[in-house]
Amino acid sequence: RIGVELNLEDFDHFSKDIPLVANLQP
């Protein structure tokens, strides 16, 4: 809607080196 290029692979690429730091359910 806002006109920013984003694809599904970006979700893997930008999160792969980020660990889980919030200890929340689930």
PDB file of all heavy atoms in Angstrom:
ATOM      1  N   ARG A   1       0.824  -1.217   0.000  1.00  0.00           N
ATOM      2  CA  ARG A   1       0.000   0.000   0.000  1.00  0.00           C
ATOM      3  C   ARG A   1       0.854   1.263   0.000  1.00  0.00           C
ATOM      4  O   ARG A   1       0.498   2.261  -0.612  1.00  0.00           O
ATOM      5  CB  ARG A   1      -0.924   0.007   1.211  1.00  0.00           C
ATOM      6  CG  ARG A   1      -1.975  -1.087   1.229  1.00  0.00           C
ATOM      7  CD  ARG A   1      -2.988  -0.918   0.108  1.00  0.00           C
ATOM      8  NE  ARG A   1      -4.054  -1.894   0.224  1.00  0.00           N
ATOM      9  CZ  ARG A   1      -5.226  -1.669   0.823  1.00  0.00           C
ATOM     10  NH1 ARG A   1      -5.463  -0.483   1.362  1.00  0.00           N
ATOM     11  NH2 ARG A   1      -6.139  -2.609   0.877  1.00  0.00           N
ATOM     12  N   ILE A   2       1.971   1.257   0.716  1.00  0.00           N
ATOM     13  CA  ILE A   2       2.778   2.475   0.856  1.00  0.00           C
ATOM     14  C   ILE A   2       3.835   2.574  -0.244  1.00  0.00           C
ATOM     15  O   ILE A   2       4.502   3.603  -0.400  1.00  0.00           O
ATOM     16  CB  ILE A   2       3.436   2.554   2.265  1.00  0.00           C
ATOM     17  CG1 ILE A   2       3.754   4.013   2.647  1.00  0.00           C
ATOM     18  CG2 ILE A   2       4.653   1.660   2.352  1.00  0.00           C
ATOM     19  CD1 ILE A   2       2.550   4.885   2.883  1.00  0.00           C
ATOM     20  N   GLY A   3       3.993   1.477  -1.017  1.00  0.00           N
ATOM     21  CA  GLY A   3       4.919   1.514  -2.142  1.00  0.00           C
ATOM     22  C   GLY A   3       6.343   1.150  -1.816  1.00  0.00           C
ATOM     23  O   GLY A   3       7.276   1.591  -2.501  1.00  0.00           O
ATOM     24  N   VAL A   4       6.546   0.323  -0.802  1.00  0.00           N
ATOM     25  CA  VAL A   4       7.889  -0.160  -0.447  1.00  0.00           C
ATOM     26  C   VAL A   4       8.064  -1.572  -0.996  1.00  0.00           C
ATOM     27  O   VAL A   4       7.199  -2.431  -0.801  1.00  0.00           O
ATOM     28  CB  VAL A   4       8.091  -0.146   1.088  1.00  0.00           C
ATOM     29  CG1 VAL A   4       9.342  -0.930   1.481  1.00  0.00           C
ATOM     30  CG2 VAL A   4       8.189   1.285   1.594  1.00  0.00           C
ATOM     31  N   GLU A   5       9.181  -1.802  -1.682  1.00  0.00           N
ATOM     32  CA  GLU A   5       9.468  -3.141  -2.206  1.00  0.00           C
ATOM     33  C   GLU A   5       9.806  -4.087  -1.054  1.00  0.00           C
ATOM     34  O   GLU A   5      10.732  -3.841  -0.289  1.00  0.00           O
ATOM     35  CB  GLU A   5      10.643  -3.076  -3.188  1.00  0.00           C
ATOM     36  CG  GLU A   5      10.313  -2.417  -4.510  1.00  0.00           C
ATOM     37  CD  GLU A   5       9.378  -3.245  -5.369  1.00  0.00           C
ATOM     38  OE1 GLU A   5       9.471  -4.494  -5.304  1.00  0.00           O
ATOM     39  OE2 GLU A   5       8.563  -2.660  -6.093  1.00  0.00           O
ATOM     40  N   LEU A   6       9.038  -5.160  -0.943  1.00  0.00           N
ATOM     41  CA  LEU A   6       9.267  -6.152   0.106  1.00  0.00           C
ATOM     42  C   LEU A   6       8.850  -7.501  -0.444  1.00  0.00           C
ATOM     43  O   LEU A   6       7.771  -7.627  -1.043  1.00  0.00           O
ATOM     44  CB  LEU A   6       8.434  -5.798   1.348  1.00  0.00           C
ATOM     45  CG  LEU A   6       8.820  -6.464   2.673  1.00  0.00           C
ATOM     46  CD1 LEU A   6      10.175  -5.985   3.156  1.00  0.00           C
ATOM     47  CD2 LEU A   6       7.755  -6.176   3.745  1.00  0.00           C
ATOM     48  N   ASN A   7       9.684  -8.524  -0.264  1.00  0.00           N
ATOM     49  CA  ASN A   7       9.301  -9.861  -0.713  1.00  0.00           C
ATOM     50  C   ASN A   7       9.450 -10.856   0.423  1.00  0.00           C
ATOM     51  O   ASN A   7      10.029 -10.549   1.471  1.00  0.00           O
ATOM     52  CB  ASN A   7      10.110 -10.284  -1.945  1.00  0.00           C
ATOM     53  CG  ASN A   7      11.605 -10.295  -1.684  1.00  0.00           C
ATOM     54  OD1 ASN A   7      12.082 -10.920  -0.728  1.00  0.00           O
ATOM     55  ND2 ASN A   7      12.372  -9.612  -2.526  1.00  0.00           N
ATOM     56  N   LEU A   8       8.929 -12.041   0.202  1.00  0.00           N
ATOM     57  CA  LEU A   8       8.879 -13.037   1.269  1.00  0.00           C
ATOM     58  C   LEU A   8      10.269 -13.410   1.770  1.00  0.00           C
ATOM     59  O   LEU A   8      10.474 -13.608   2.973  1.00  0.00           O
ATOM     60  CB  LEU A   8       8.141 -14.282   0.771  1.00  0.00           C
ATOM     61  CG  LEU A   8       7.739 -15.311   1.829  1.00  0.00           C
ATOM     62  CD1 LEU A   8       6.813 -14.701   2.871  1.00  0.00           C
ATOM     63  CD2 LEU A   8       7.056 -16.515   1.170  1.00  0.00           C
ATOM     64  N   GLU A   9      11.236 -13.452   0.872  1.00  0.00           N
ATOM     65  CA  GLU A   9      12.601 -13.810   1.264  1.00  0.00           C
ATOM     66  C   GLU A   9      13.203 -12.808   2.249  1.00  0.00           C
ATOM     67  O   GLU A   9      14.087 -13.159   3.040  1.00  0.00           O
ATOM     68  CB  GLU A   9      13.492 -13.925   0.023  1.00  0.00           C
ATOM     69  CG  GLU A   9      13.227 -15.166  -0.834  1.00  0.00           C
ATOM     70  CD  GLU A   9      11.941 -15.071  -1.644  1.00  0.00           C
ATOM     71  OE1 GLU A   9      11.407 -13.951  -1.816  1.00  0.00           O
ATOM     72  OE2 GLU A   9      11.457 -16.124  -2.104  1.00  0.00           O
ATOM     73  N   ASP A  10      12.732 -11.553   2.208  1.00  0.00           N
ATOM     74  CA  ASP A  10      13.227 -10.544   3.146  1.00  0.00           C
ATOM     75  C   ASP A  10      12.977 -10.941   4.596  1.00  0.00           C
ATOM     76  O   ASP A  10      13.763 -10.603   5.487  1.00  0.00           O
ATOM     77  CB  ASP A  10      12.558  -9.184   2.878  1.00  0.00           C
ATOM     78  CG  ASP A  10      13.073  -8.522   1.611  1.00  0.00           C
ATOM     79  OD1 ASP A  10      14.254  -8.720   1.276  1.00  0.00           O
ATOM     80  OD2 ASP A  10      12.294  -7.807   0.957  1.00  0.00           O
ATOM     81  N   PHE A  11      11.883 -11.647   4.847  1.00  0.00           N
ATOM     82  CA  PHE A  11      11.550 -12.030   6.222  1.00  0.00           C
ATOM     83  C   PHE A  11      12.567 -13.028   6.763  1.00  0.00           C
ATOM     84  O   PHE A  11      12.918 -12.991   7.946  1.00  0.00           O
ATOM     85  CB  PHE A  11      10.125 -12.607   6.283  1.00  0.00           C
ATOM     86  CG  PHE A  11       9.071 -11.571   6.036  1.00  0.00           C
ATOM     87  CD1 PHE A  11       8.710 -11.214   4.753  1.00  0.00           C
ATOM     88  CD2 PHE A  11       8.468 -10.917   7.099  1.00  0.00           C
ATOM     89  CE1 PHE A  11       7.755 -10.236   4.517  1.00  0.00           C
ATOM     90  CE2 PHE A  11       7.510  -9.936   6.883  1.00  0.00           C
ATOM     91  CZ  PHE A  11       7.155  -9.597   5.580  1.00  0.00           C
ATOM     92  N   ASP A  12      13.032 -13.907   5.912  1.00  0.00           N
ATOM     93  CA  ASP A  12      14.068 -14.857   6.306  1.00  0.00           C
ATOM     94  C   ASP A  12      15.417 -14.150   6.428  1.00  0.00           C
ATOM     95  O   ASP A  12      16.119 -14.284   7.436  1.00  0.00           O
ATOM     96  CB  ASP A  12      14.154 -15.979   5.261  1.00  0.00           C
ATOM     97  CG  ASP A  12      14.848 -17.224   5.787  1.00  0.00           C
ATOM     98  OD1 ASP A  12      15.757 -17.100   6.626  1.00  0.00           O
ATOM     99  OD2 ASP A  12      14.480 -18.330   5.364  1.00  0.00           O
ATOM    100  N   HIS A  13      15.742 -13.343   5.438  1.00  0.00           N
ATOM    101  CA  HIS A  13      17.045 -12.689   5.393  1.00  0.00           C
ATOM    102  C   HIS A  13      17.281 -11.769   6.590  1.00  0.00           C
ATOM    103  O   HIS A  13      18.347 -11.812   7.224  1.00  0.00           O
ATOM    104  CB  HIS A  13      17.180 -11.890   4.096  1.00  0.00           C
ATOM    105  CG  HIS A  13      18.435 -11.085   4.007  1.00  0.00           C
ATOM    106  ND1 HIS A  13      19.684 -11.662   3.816  1.00  0.00           N
ATOM    107  CD2 HIS A  13      18.660  -9.747   4.110  1.00  0.00           C
ATOM    108  CE1 HIS A  13      20.601 -10.719   3.804  1.00  0.00           C
ATOM    109  NE2 HIS A  13      20.023  -9.545   3.979  1.00  0.00           N
ATOM    110  N   PHE A  14      16.293 -10.942   6.926  1.00  0.00           N
ATOM    111  CA  PHE A  14      16.494  -9.944   7.977  1.00  0.00           C
ATOM    112  C   PHE A  14      16.241 -10.476   9.394  1.00  0.00           C
ATOM    113  O   PHE A  14      16.518  -9.782  10.366  1.00  0.00           O
ATOM    114  CB  PHE A  14      15.628  -8.712   7.711  1.00  0.00           C
ATOM    115  CG  PHE A  14      16.116  -7.886   6.564  1.00  0.00           C
ATOM    116  CD1 PHE A  14      15.455  -7.895   5.347  1.00  0.00           C
ATOM    117  CD2 PHE A  14      17.275  -7.139   6.676  1.00  0.00           C
ATOM    118  CE1 PHE A  14      15.907  -7.152   4.267  1.00  0.00           C
ATOM    119  CE2 PHE A  14      17.750  -6.386   5.606  1.00  0.00           C
ATOM    120  CZ  PHE A  14      17.061  -6.392   4.394  1.00  0.00           C
ATOM    121  N   SER A  15      15.731 -11.700   9.500  1.00  0.00           N
ATOM    122  CA  SER A  15      15.522 -12.254  10.839  1.00  0.00           C
ATOM    123  C   SER A  15      16.467 -13.392  11.193  1.00  0.00           C
ATOM    124  O   SER A  15      16.552 -13.793  12.352  1.00  0.00           O
ATOM    125  CB  SER A  15      14.071 -12.750  10.991  1.00  0.00           C
ATOM    126  OG  SER A  15      13.799 -13.834  10.134  1.00  0.00           O
ATOM    127  N   LYS A  16      17.232 -13.882  10.214  1.00  0.00           N
ATOM    128  CA  LYS A  16      18.003 -15.113  10.445  1.00  0.00           C
ATOM    129  C   LYS A  16      19.099 -14.960  11.500  1.00  0.00           C
ATOM    130  O   LYS A  16      19.476 -15.941  12.139  1.00  0.00           O
ATOM    131  CB  LYS A  16      18.601 -15.620   9.137  1.00  0.00           C
ATOM    132  CG  LYS A  16      19.637 -14.708   8.511  1.00  0.00           C
ATOM    133  CD  LYS A  16      20.153 -15.306   7.208  1.00  0.00           C
ATOM    134  CE  LYS A  16      21.195 -14.398   6.575  1.00  0.00           C
ATOM    135  NZ  LYS A  16      21.692 -14.956   5.291  1.00  0.00           N
ATOM    136  N   ASP A  17      19.624 -13.750  11.689  1.00  0.00           N
ATOM    137  CA  ASP A  17      20.688 -13.562  12.678  1.00  0.00           C
ATOM    138  C   ASP A  17      20.191 -12.927  13.980  1.00  0.00           C
ATOM    139  O   ASP A  17      20.988 -12.543  14.835  1.00  0.00           O
ATOM    140  CB  ASP A  17      21.798 -12.689  12.083  1.00  0.00           C
ATOM    141  CG  ASP A  17      22.485 -13.364  10.904  1.00  0.00           C
ATOM    142  OD1 ASP A  17      22.648 -14.599  10.961  1.00  0.00           O
ATOM    143  OD2 ASP A  17      22.845 -12.663   9.936  1.00  0.00           O
ATOM    144  N   ILE A  18      18.870 -12.815  14.108  1.00  0.00           N
ATOM    145  CA  ILE A  18      18.269 -12.212  15.315  1.00  0.00           C
ATOM    146  C   ILE A  18      17.758 -13.328  16.224  1.00  0.00           C
ATOM    147  O   ILE A  18      16.847 -14.071  15.849  1.00  0.00           O
ATOM    148  CB  ILE A  18      17.103 -11.274  14.958  1.00  0.00           C
ATOM    149  CG1 ILE A  18      17.516 -10.251  13.908  1.00  0.00           C
ATOM    150  CG2 ILE A  18      16.569 -10.597  16.214  1.00  0.00           C
ATOM    151  CD1 ILE A  18      18.566  -9.269  14.357  1.00  0.00           C
ATOM    152  N   PRO A  19      18.309 -13.479  17.423  1.00  0.00           N
ATOM    153  CA  PRO A  19      17.815 -14.528  18.328  1.00  0.00           C
ATOM    154  C   PRO A  19      16.549 -14.084  19.054  1.00  0.00           C
ATOM    155  O   PRO A  19      16.184 -12.899  19.036  1.00  0.00           O
ATOM    156  CB  PRO A  19      18.974 -14.697  19.313  1.00  0.00           C
ATOM    157  CG  PRO A  19      19.581 -13.327  19.389  1.00  0.00           C
ATOM    158  CD  PRO A  19      19.447 -12.739  18.004  1.00  0.00           C
ATOM    159  N   LEU A  20      15.898 -15.025  19.684  1.00  0.00           N
ATOM    160  CA  LEU A  20      14.712 -14.727  20.493  1.00  0.00           C
ATOM    161  C   LEU A  20      15.180 -14.148  21.831  1.00  0.00           C
ATOM    162  O   LEU A  20      15.786 -14.846  22.643  1.00  0.00           O
ATOM    163  CB  LEU A  20      13.908 -16.007  20.732  1.00  0.00           C
ATOM    164  CG  LEU A  20      12.590 -15.841  21.472  1.00  0.00           C
ATOM    165  CD1 LEU A  20      11.545 -15.201  20.568  1.00  0.00           C
ATOM    166  CD2 LEU A  20      12.083 -17.195  21.985  1.00  0.00           C
ATOM    167  N   VAL A  21      14.909 -12.862  22.055  1.00  0.00           N
ATOM    168  CA  VAL A  21      15.329 -12.237  23.316  1.00  0.00           C
ATOM    169  C   VAL A  21      14.152 -11.948  24.243  1.00  0.00           C
ATOM    170  O   VAL A  21      14.360 -11.612  25.417  1.00  0.00           O
ATOM    171  CB  VAL A  21      16.136 -10.935  23.077  1.00  0.00           C
ATOM    172  CG1 VAL A  21      17.381 -11.214  22.267  1.00  0.00           C
ATOM    173  CG2 VAL A  21      15.285  -9.852  22.420  1.00  0.00           C
ATOM    174  N   ALA A  22      12.922 -12.079  23.733  1.00  0.00           N
ATOM    175  CA  ALA A  22      11.739 -11.880  24.576  1.00  0.00           C
ATOM    176  C   ALA A  22      11.148 -13.241  24.925  1.00  0.00           C
ATOM    177  O   ALA A  22      10.748 -14.004  24.048  1.00  0.00           O
ATOM    178  CB  ALA A  22      10.708 -11.012  23.864  1.00  0.00           C
ATOM    179  N   ASN A  23      11.116 -13.551  26.189  1.00  0.00           N
ATOM    180  CA  ASN A  23      10.701 -14.869  26.675  1.00  0.00           C
ATOM    181  C   ASN A  23       9.183 -14.890  26.885  1.00  0.00           C
ATOM    182  O   ASN A  23       8.687 -14.883  28.007  1.00  0.00           O
ATOM    183  CB  ASN A  23      11.432 -15.162  27.987  1.00  0.00           C
ATOM    184  CG  ASN A  23      11.231 -16.583  28.471  1.00  0.00           C
ATOM    185  OD1 ASN A  23      10.688 -17.427  27.769  1.00  0.00           O
ATOM    186  ND2 ASN A  23      11.657 -16.839  29.701  1.00  0.00           N
ATOM    187  N   LEU A  24       8.454 -14.930  25.774  1.00  0.00           N
ATOM    188  CA  LEU A  24       6.997 -14.797  25.826  1.00  0.00           C
ATOM    189  C   LEU A  24       6.308 -15.995  25.198  1.00  0.00           C
ATOM    190  O   LEU A  24       6.762 -16.535  24.189  1.00  0.00           O
ATOM    191  CB  LEU A  24       6.567 -13.531  25.065  1.00  0.00           C
ATOM    192  CG  LEU A  24       7.191 -12.205  25.524  1.00  0.00           C
ATOM    193  CD1 LEU A  24       6.845 -11.105  24.539  1.00  0.00           C
ATOM    194  CD2 LEU A  24       6.691 -11.844  26.916  1.00  0.00           C
ATOM    195  N   GLN A  25       5.176 -16.385  25.766  1.00  0.00           N
ATOM    196  CA  GLN A  25       4.361 -17.416  25.125  1.00  0.00           C
ATOM    197  C   GLN A  25       3.894 -16.908  23.768  1.00  0.00           C
ATOM    198  O   GLN A  25       3.641 -15.712  23.616  1.00  0.00           O
ATOM    199  CB  GLN A  25       3.146 -17.732  26.005  1.00  0.00           C
ATOM    200  CG  GLN A  25       3.447 -18.519  27.252  1.00  0.00           C
ATOM    201  CD  GLN A  25       2.213 -19.239  27.785  1.00  0.00           C
ATOM    202  OE1 GLN A  25       1.303 -19.610  27.056  1.00  0.00           O
ATOM    203  NE2 GLN A  25       2.176 -19.424  29.093  1.00  0.00           N
ATOM    204  N   PRO A  26       3.769 -17.786  22.736  1.00  0.00           N
ATOM    205  CA  PRO A  26       3.904 -19.243  22.829  1.00  0.00           C
ATOM    206  C   PRO A  26       5.325 -19.777  22.659  1.00  0.00           C
ATOM    207  O   PRO A  26       5.552 -20.963  22.853  1.00  0.00           O
ATOM    208  CB  PRO A  26       3.023 -19.719  21.665  1.00  0.00           C
ATOM    209  CG  PRO A  26       3.172 -18.639  20.650  1.00  0.00           C
ATOM    210  CD  PRO A  26       3.239 -17.362  21.434  1.00  0.00           C
TER     211      PRO A  26
END
